[in-house]
Amino acid sequence: MSLALSYRRQNEYEDERPYPEAAIPYKQEFRIYSRLTRRFQVRRVQLGVTLREEARRFYTPTFGNWEESWQFRTRTKVQAAYKLGKSGDKCLILAAEPLYSIAKENDGWGRLRYDETRFSAFYSYTPHSGHVTYSVGYMNDLIRRDVHYLSFDVVFIGG
């Protein structure tokens, strides 16, 4: 189980080409979330199921209320990590993560929405020291939005 707090500043653009900056150029987001994960091993594959509950608060650049001021979101992820080679230091990771949310807008609370599903594929490498993992991957929301992410992660492992 983990608990985290984060801040994000996201630029905003108009929906029509050439996508000029919106009248309010960016929104600010504060997020608190908890994550609960259950993992189990089936031969060379580590399977994982994660539940992540989030509370998100949005503001304008001057800390006024954004049109959607609060959002509560649930993320569920199913992941399979397949160890490559005999040493197990390389891994192929496949995952699917649907997201659901309910938001408070200016006229009150909306209805529960199915926001998106993220599909991802990553290749990771953990050197024999075991204190760091490097991953490179791709994520796409194929269901609702046509959004693509490329990622390179470095994870430091304590202990």
C-alpha atoms as a PDB file:
ATOM      1  CA  MET A   1       0.000   0.000   0.000  1.00  0.00           C
ATOM      2  CA  SER A   2       1.198   3.521  -0.724  1.00  0.00           C
ATOM      3  CA  LEU A   3      -0.026   7.068  -0.196  1.00  0.00           C
ATOM      4  CA  ALA A   4       1.084  10.082  -2.246  1.00  0.00           C
ATOM      5  CA  LEU A   5       0.459  13.774  -2.829  1.00  0.00           C
ATOM      6  CA  SER A   6       1.311  15.473  -6.114  1.00  0.00           C
ATOM      7  CA  TYR A   7       1.070  18.795  -7.935  1.00  0.00           C
ATOM      8  CA  ARG A   8       0.649  19.218 -11.684  1.00  0.00           C
ATOM      9  CA  ARG A   9       0.480  22.267 -13.942  1.00  0.00           C
ATOM     10  CA  GLN A  10      -1.119  21.508 -17.315  1.00  0.00           C
ATOM     11  CA  ASN A  11      -1.163  23.906 -20.260  1.00  0.00           C
ATOM     12  CA  GLU A  12      -4.557  24.353 -21.933  1.00  0.00           C
ATOM     13  CA  TYR A  13      -5.202  24.779 -25.678  1.00  0.00           C
ATOM     14  CA  GLU A  14      -8.228  25.341 -27.928  1.00  0.00           C
ATOM     15  CA  ASP A  15      -9.799  22.306 -29.635  1.00  0.00           C
ATOM     16  CA  GLU A  16      -9.509  23.671 -33.188  1.00  0.00           C
ATOM     17  CA  ARG A  17      -6.332  23.809 -35.315  1.00  0.00           C
ATOM     18  CA  PRO A  18      -3.789  25.407 -35.049  1.00  0.00           C
ATOM     19  CA  TYR A  19      -4.519  24.780 -31.311  1.00  0.00           C
ATOM     20  CA  PRO A  20      -3.770  28.226 -29.855  1.00  0.00           C
ATOM     21  CA  GLU A  21      -3.370  28.686 -26.112  1.00  0.00           C
ATOM     22  CA  ALA A  22      -6.743  28.810 -24.329  1.00  0.00           C
ATOM     23  CA  ALA A  23      -8.064  31.979 -22.664  1.00  0.00           C
ATOM     24  CA  ILE A  24      -6.994  30.515 -19.314  1.00  0.00           C
ATOM     25  CA  PRO A  25      -3.520  29.239 -20.289  1.00  0.00           C
ATOM     26  CA  TYR A  26      -3.150  26.458 -17.720  1.00  0.00           C
ATOM     27  CA  LYS A  27      -4.811  24.658 -14.847  1.00  0.00           C
ATOM     28  CA  GLN A  28      -3.249  23.579 -11.585  1.00  0.00           C
ATOM     29  CA  GLU A  29      -3.982  20.228  -9.974  1.00  0.00           C
ATOM     30  CA  PHE A  30      -3.356  18.905  -6.494  1.00  0.00           C
ATOM     31  CA  ARG A  31      -3.817  15.162  -6.143  1.00  0.00           C
ATOM     32  CA  ILE A  32      -3.821  12.818  -3.174  1.00  0.00           C
ATOM     33  CA  TYR A  33      -4.078   9.119  -3.794  1.00  0.00           C
ATOM     34  CA  SER A  34      -3.639   5.722  -2.259  1.00  0.00           C
ATOM     35  CA  ARG A  35      -2.655   2.572  -4.064  1.00  0.00           C
ATOM     36  CA  LEU A  36      -3.208  -1.018  -3.008  1.00  0.00           C
ATOM     37  CA  THR A  37      -1.502  -3.771  -5.021  1.00  0.00           C
ATOM     38  CA  ARG A  38      -1.708  -7.549  -4.862  1.00  0.00           C
ATOM     39  CA  ARG A  39       0.976  -9.500  -6.733  1.00  0.00           C
ATOM     40  CA  PHE A  40       1.440 -13.216  -7.241  1.00  0.00           C
ATOM     41  CA  GLN A  41       3.847 -15.380  -9.235  1.00  0.00           C
ATOM     42  CA  VAL A  42       2.854 -17.972 -11.836  1.00  0.00           C
ATOM     43  CA  ARG A  43       6.084 -19.553 -13.120  1.00  0.00           C
ATOM     44  CA  ARG A  44       8.003 -16.810 -15.000  1.00  0.00           C
ATOM     45  CA  VAL A  45       5.075 -14.367 -14.935  1.00  0.00           C
ATOM     46  CA  GLN A  46       4.318 -11.977 -12.093  1.00  0.00           C
ATOM     47  CA  LEU A  47       0.657 -10.969 -12.145  1.00  0.00           C
ATOM     48  CA  GLY A  48      -0.553  -7.852 -10.377  1.00  0.00           C
ATOM     49  CA  VAL A  49      -3.860  -6.150  -9.655  1.00  0.00           C
ATOM     50  CA  THR A  50      -3.813  -2.543  -8.423  1.00  0.00           C
ATOM     51  CA  LEU A  51      -6.610  -0.352  -7.073  1.00  0.00           C
ATOM     52  CA  ARG A  52      -5.812   3.369  -6.968  1.00  0.00           C
ATOM     53  CA  GLU A  53      -8.227   5.874  -5.425  1.00  0.00           C
ATOM     54  CA  GLU A  54      -7.605   9.567  -6.172  1.00  0.00           C
ATOM     55  CA  ALA A  55      -9.013  12.912  -5.014  1.00  0.00           C
ATOM     56  CA  ARG A  56      -8.077  15.725  -7.403  1.00  0.00           C
ATOM     57  CA  ARG A  57      -8.592  19.486  -6.895  1.00  0.00           C
ATOM     58  CA  PHE A  58      -8.287  21.854  -9.871  1.00  0.00           C
ATOM     59  CA  TYR A  59      -7.520  25.596  -9.873  1.00  0.00           C
ATOM     60  CA  THR A  60      -6.995  28.419 -12.359  1.00  0.00           C
ATOM     61  CA  PRO A  61      -3.561  30.113 -12.494  1.00  0.00           C
ATOM     62  CA  THR A  62      -4.723  32.543  -9.755  1.00  0.00           C
ATOM     63  CA  PHE A  63      -6.114  29.691  -7.569  1.00  0.00           C
ATOM     64  CA  GLY A  64      -9.731  30.372  -8.524  1.00  0.00           C
ATOM     65  CA  ASN A  65     -12.055  27.412  -9.100  1.00  0.00           C
ATOM     66  CA  TRP A  66     -11.587  25.586 -12.376  1.00  0.00           C
ATOM     67  CA  GLU A  67     -14.819  24.652 -14.209  1.00  0.00           C
ATOM     68  CA  GLU A  68     -14.412  21.146 -12.762  1.00  0.00           C
ATOM     69  CA  SER A  69     -13.199  21.950  -9.247  1.00  0.00           C
ATOM     70  CA  TRP A  70     -13.114  18.453  -7.695  1.00  0.00           C
ATOM     71  CA  GLN A  71     -12.800  14.987  -9.124  1.00  0.00           C
ATOM     72  CA  PHE A  72     -12.788  11.589  -7.452  1.00  0.00           C
ATOM     73  CA  ARG A  73     -11.274   8.902  -9.653  1.00  0.00           C
ATOM     74  CA  THR A  74     -10.827   5.135  -9.436  1.00  0.00           C
ATOM     75  CA  ARG A  75      -8.121   3.385 -11.425  1.00  0.00           C
ATOM     76  CA  THR A  76      -7.857  -0.401 -11.639  1.00  0.00           C
ATOM     77  CA  LYS A  77      -4.845  -1.959 -13.316  1.00  0.00           C
ATOM     78  CA  VAL A  78      -4.160  -5.543 -14.332  1.00  0.00           C
ATOM     79  CA  GLN A  79      -0.521  -6.213 -15.182  1.00  0.00           C
ATOM     80  CA  ALA A  80       1.571  -9.175 -16.315  1.00  0.00           C
ATOM     81  CA  ALA A  81       5.379  -9.052 -16.103  1.00  0.00           C
ATOM     82  CA  TYR A  82       7.163 -11.801 -18.012  1.00  0.00           C
ATOM     83  CA  LYS A  83      10.813 -12.428 -17.081  1.00  0.00           C
ATOM     84  CA  LEU A  84      13.077 -12.741 -20.108  1.00  0.00           C
ATOM     85  CA  GLY A  85      16.185 -14.924 -20.049  1.00  0.00           C
ATOM     86  CA  LYS A  86      17.470 -17.146 -17.275  1.00  0.00           C
ATOM     87  CA  SER A  87      18.759 -14.391 -14.970  1.00  0.00           C
ATOM     88  CA  GLY A  88      15.397 -12.614 -14.767  1.00  0.00           C
ATOM     89  CA  ASP A  89      16.977  -9.149 -14.907  1.00  0.00           C
ATOM     90  CA  LYS A  90      14.992  -8.240 -18.059  1.00  0.00           C
ATOM     91  CA  CYS A  91      11.232  -8.120 -18.190  1.00  0.00           C
ATOM     92  CA  LEU A  92       8.363  -7.500 -20.625  1.00  0.00           C
ATOM     93  CA  ILE A  93       5.400  -5.829 -18.891  1.00  0.00           C
ATOM     94  CA  LEU A  94       1.877  -5.622 -20.362  1.00  0.00           C
ATOM     95  CA  ALA A  95      -0.962  -3.778 -18.621  1.00  0.00           C
ATOM     96  CA  ALA A  96      -4.543  -2.539 -18.977  1.00  0.00           C
ATOM     97  CA  GLU A  97      -5.935   0.208 -16.725  1.00  0.00           C
ATOM     98  CA  PRO A  98      -9.550   1.488 -16.919  1.00  0.00           C
ATOM     99  CA  LEU A  99     -10.370   4.811 -15.182  1.00  0.00           C
ATOM    100  CA  TYR A 100     -13.731   5.923 -13.724  1.00  0.00           C
ATOM    101  CA  SER A 101     -14.511   9.308 -12.212  1.00  0.00           C
ATOM    102  CA  ILE A 102     -17.155  11.613 -10.780  1.00  0.00           C
ATOM    103  CA  ALA A 103     -16.641  15.379 -10.825  1.00  0.00           C
ATOM    104  CA  LYS A 104     -18.013  18.494  -9.162  1.00  0.00           C
ATOM    105  CA  GLU A 105     -18.660  21.180 -11.739  1.00  0.00           C
ATOM    106  CA  ASN A 106     -20.114  24.674 -11.360  1.00  0.00           C
ATOM    107  CA  ASP A 107     -23.689  23.321 -11.438  1.00  0.00           C
ATOM    108  CA  GLY A 108     -23.101  20.436  -8.984  1.00  0.00           C
ATOM    109  CA  TRP A 109     -21.896  16.844  -9.035  1.00  0.00           C
ATOM    110  CA  GLY A 110     -21.990  15.027 -12.349  1.00  0.00           C
ATOM    111  CA  ARG A 111     -22.600  11.354 -12.983  1.00  0.00           C
ATOM    112  CA  LEU A 112     -20.071   8.532 -12.785  1.00  0.00           C
ATOM    113  CA  ARG A 113     -18.058   8.435 -16.035  1.00  0.00           C
ATOM    114  CA  TYR A 114     -15.965   5.797 -17.716  1.00  0.00           C
ATOM    115  CA  ASP A 115     -13.078   8.053 -18.702  1.00  0.00           C
ATOM    116  CA  GLU A 116     -10.507   5.932 -20.469  1.00  0.00           C
ATOM    117  CA  THR A 117      -8.569   2.704 -20.625  1.00  0.00           C
ATOM    118  CA  ARG A 118      -4.810   2.775 -20.907  1.00  0.00           C
ATOM    119  CA  PHE A 119      -2.989  -0.116 -22.539  1.00  0.00           C
ATOM    120  CA  SER A 120       0.772  -0.270 -22.115  1.00  0.00           C
ATOM    121  CA  ALA A 121       3.837  -2.321 -22.986  1.00  0.00           C
ATOM    122  CA  PHE A 122       7.203  -1.808 -21.246  1.00  0.00           C
ATOM    123  CA  TYR A 123      10.634  -3.373 -21.330  1.00  0.00           C
ATOM    124  CA  SER A 124      12.516  -3.147 -18.044  1.00  0.00           C
ATOM    125  CA  TYR A 125      16.035  -3.956 -16.928  1.00  0.00           C
ATOM    126  CA  THR A 126      17.281  -4.338 -13.361  1.00  0.00           C
ATOM    127  CA  PRO A 127      21.085  -4.668 -13.078  1.00  0.00           C
ATOM    128  CA  HIS A 128      22.417  -7.286 -10.681  1.00  0.00           C
ATOM    129  CA  SER A 129      22.863  -4.709  -7.887  1.00  0.00           C
ATOM    130  CA  GLY A 130      19.056  -4.658  -7.638  1.00  0.00           C
ATOM    131  CA  HIS A 131      18.893  -1.037  -6.443  1.00  0.00           C
ATOM    132  CA  VAL A 132      17.596   0.542  -9.654  1.00  0.00           C
ATOM    133  CA  THR A 133      15.283  -0.464 -12.522  1.00  0.00           C
ATOM    134  CA  TYR A 134      15.251   1.146 -15.971  1.00  0.00           C
ATOM    135  CA  SER A 135      12.128   0.923 -18.110  1.00  0.00           C
ATOM    136  CA  VAL A 136      11.160   2.121 -21.560  1.00  0.00           C
ATOM    137  CA  GLY A 137       7.649   1.781 -22.869  1.00  0.00           C
ATOM    138  CA  TYR A 138       4.576   2.914 -24.728  1.00  0.00           C
ATOM    139  CA  MET A 139       1.054   3.615 -23.499  1.00  0.00           C
ATOM    140  CA  ASN A 140      -2.091   4.341 -25.521  1.00  0.00           C
ATOM    141  CA  ASP A 141      -5.703   5.032 -24.674  1.00  0.00           C
ATOM    142  CA  LEU A 142      -7.434   3.032 -27.405  1.00  0.00           C
ATOM    143  CA  ILE A 143     -10.968   3.328 -26.037  1.00  0.00           C
ATOM    144  CA  ARG A 144     -11.992   6.976 -25.692  1.00  0.00           C
ATOM    145  CA  ARG A 145      -9.098   9.234 -26.655  1.00  0.00           C
ATOM    146  CA  ASP A 146      -6.325   8.849 -29.168  1.00  0.00           C
ATOM    147  CA  VAL A 147      -3.503   9.664 -26.747  1.00  0.00           C
ATOM    148  CA  HIS A 148       0.013   8.249 -27.027  1.00  0.00           C
ATOM    149  CA  TYR A 149       2.739   8.271 -24.365  1.00  0.00           C
ATOM    150  CA  LEU A 150       6.368   7.259 -24.642  1.00  0.00           C
ATOM    151  CA  SER A 151       8.091   6.761 -21.331  1.00  0.00           C
ATOM    152  CA  PHE A 152      11.518   6.227 -19.872  1.00  0.00           C
ATOM    153  CA  ASP A 153      11.533   5.531 -16.124  1.00  0.00           C
ATOM    154  CA  VAL A 154      14.250   5.122 -13.547  1.00  0.00           C
ATOM    155  CA  VAL A 155      13.031   3.562 -10.291  1.00  0.00           C
ATOM    156  CA  PHE A 156      15.284   3.517  -7.226  1.00  0.00           C
ATOM    157  CA  ILE A 157      14.720   0.543  -4.932  1.00  0.00           C
ATOM    158  CA  GLY A 158      15.526   0.901  -1.245  1.00  0.00           C
ATOM    159  CA  GLY A 159      16.457  -1.752   1.142  1.00  0.00           C
END
